Amino acid sequence: MVSQVWKRNENWVGSQIEDNFVMVNIDTGKYVSLNSSADAVWQALEQPRTQAEIESGLLADYAVDAATCTQSISGLLEQMHELQLAAPN
């Protein structure tokens, strides 16, 4: 839902390696690699934000229409939730 506030799971730490942001969960040892758009969402979640707030920031930085951005961010937030990177608050 676009109005839910999303928040990072703070058990993840990471570092930029070439074109990806590689992260590891300090509790589980699970790791993921974020591409540039997923990393942009992760960085946006430095403070809890709604999906609409995340989209607004990305629309300013990426050449994408609003409908495509909404669809992409919805899918990405769902993936982040499944991977326990972020969750609605």
Protein backbone atom coordinates (compact mmCIF):
# COMPACT_ATOMS: atom_id res chain seq x y z
CA MET A 1 0.00 0.00 0.00
CA VAL A 2 1.35 3.39 -1.04
CA SER A 3 0.56 5.16 2.27
CA GLN A 4 2.28 2.62 4.55
CA VAL A 5 5.51 3.79 6.11
CA TRP A 6 8.42 1.49 5.23
CA LYS A 7 11.40 1.04 7.51
CA ARG A 8 14.80 -0.63 7.11
CA ASN A 9 15.77 -3.72 9.06
CA GLU A 10 18.86 -2.33 10.78
CA ASN A 11 20.53 -5.77 11.02
CA TRP A 12 21.91 -5.26 7.49
CA VAL A 13 25.24 -3.63 6.69
CA GLY A 14 26.80 -3.16 3.32
CA SER A 15 29.37 -1.67 1.02
CA GLN A 16 29.58 -0.52 -2.58
CA ILE A 17 31.40 -3.06 -4.77
CA GLU A 18 31.67 -1.96 -8.40
CA ASP A 19 28.09 -1.36 -9.64
CA ASN A 20 26.33 -3.11 -6.75
CA PHE A 21 25.71 -2.47 -3.08
CA VAL A 22 26.46 -5.76 -1.32
CA MET A 23 24.84 -6.32 2.06
CA VAL A 24 25.03 -8.92 4.81
CA ASN A 25 22.64 -9.53 7.68
CA ILE A 26 24.76 -9.43 10.85
CA ASP A 27 22.42 -11.85 12.65
CA THR A 28 21.86 -14.49 9.97
CA GLY A 29 24.86 -14.18 7.65
CA LYS A 30 22.49 -13.97 4.68
CA TYR A 31 23.71 -11.63 1.95
CA VAL A 32 22.22 -9.79 -1.01
CA SER A 33 23.49 -7.60 -3.80
CA LEU A 34 21.45 -4.53 -4.73
CA ASN A 35 21.56 -2.97 -8.20
CA SER A 36 21.56 0.82 -8.49
CA SER A 37 17.78 1.27 -8.35
CA ALA A 38 17.38 -1.10 -5.38
CA ASP A 39 20.27 0.70 -3.68
CA ALA A 40 18.48 4.02 -4.28
CA VAL A 41 15.42 2.64 -2.48
CA TRP A 42 17.61 1.33 0.37
CA GLN A 43 19.25 4.76 0.69
CA ALA A 44 15.80 6.43 0.64
CA LEU A 45 14.84 4.21 3.58
CA GLU A 46 17.60 5.69 5.72
CA GLN A 47 14.59 7.40 7.30
CA PRO A 48 11.20 5.65 7.36
CA ARG A 49 9.20 6.71 4.30
CA THR A 50 6.00 5.92 2.48
CA GLN A 51 6.12 4.33 -0.94
CA ALA A 52 4.88 7.62 -2.40
CA GLU A 53 7.82 9.48 -0.80
CA ILE A 54 10.28 6.93 -2.20
CA GLU A 55 8.73 7.20 -5.66
CA SER A 56 8.86 10.99 -5.57
CA GLY A 57 12.60 10.93 -4.97
CA LEU A 58 13.24 8.34 -7.67
CA LEU A 59 11.11 10.13 -10.25
CA ALA A 60 13.41 13.12 -9.82
CA ASP A 61 16.53 10.99 -10.41
CA TYR A 62 15.45 8.42 -13.02
CA ALA A 63 13.90 8.78 -16.46
CA VAL A 64 10.77 6.73 -15.79
CA ASP A 65 7.05 7.47 -15.91
CA ALA A 66 5.00 7.51 -12.70
CA ALA A 67 3.02 4.31 -13.43
CA THR A 68 6.17 2.30 -14.17
CA CYS A 69 7.86 3.72 -11.08
CA THR A 70 4.90 2.75 -8.86
CA GLN A 71 4.82 -0.77 -10.27
CA SER A 72 8.58 -1.23 -9.93
CA ILE A 73 8.76 0.16 -6.39
CA SER A 74 5.80 -1.97 -5.29
CA GLY A 75 7.56 -5.10 -6.51
CA LEU A 76 10.89 -4.07 -5.03
CA LEU A 77 9.41 -3.28 -1.61
CA GLU A 78 7.69 -6.69 -1.64
CA GLN A 79 11.04 -8.35 -2.42
CA MET A 80 12.74 -6.35 0.33
CA HIS A 81 10.03 -7.47 2.72
CA GLU A 82 10.49 -11.14 1.72
CA LEU A 83 14.27 -10.82 2.19
CA GLN A 84 13.73 -9.08 5.55
CA LEU A 85 15.54 -5.95 4.36
CA ALA A 86 12.58 -3.66 5.07
CA ALA A 87 9.03 -3.84 6.29
CA PRO A 88 5.97 -1.66 6.60
CA ASN A 89 5.83 -0.09 10.02
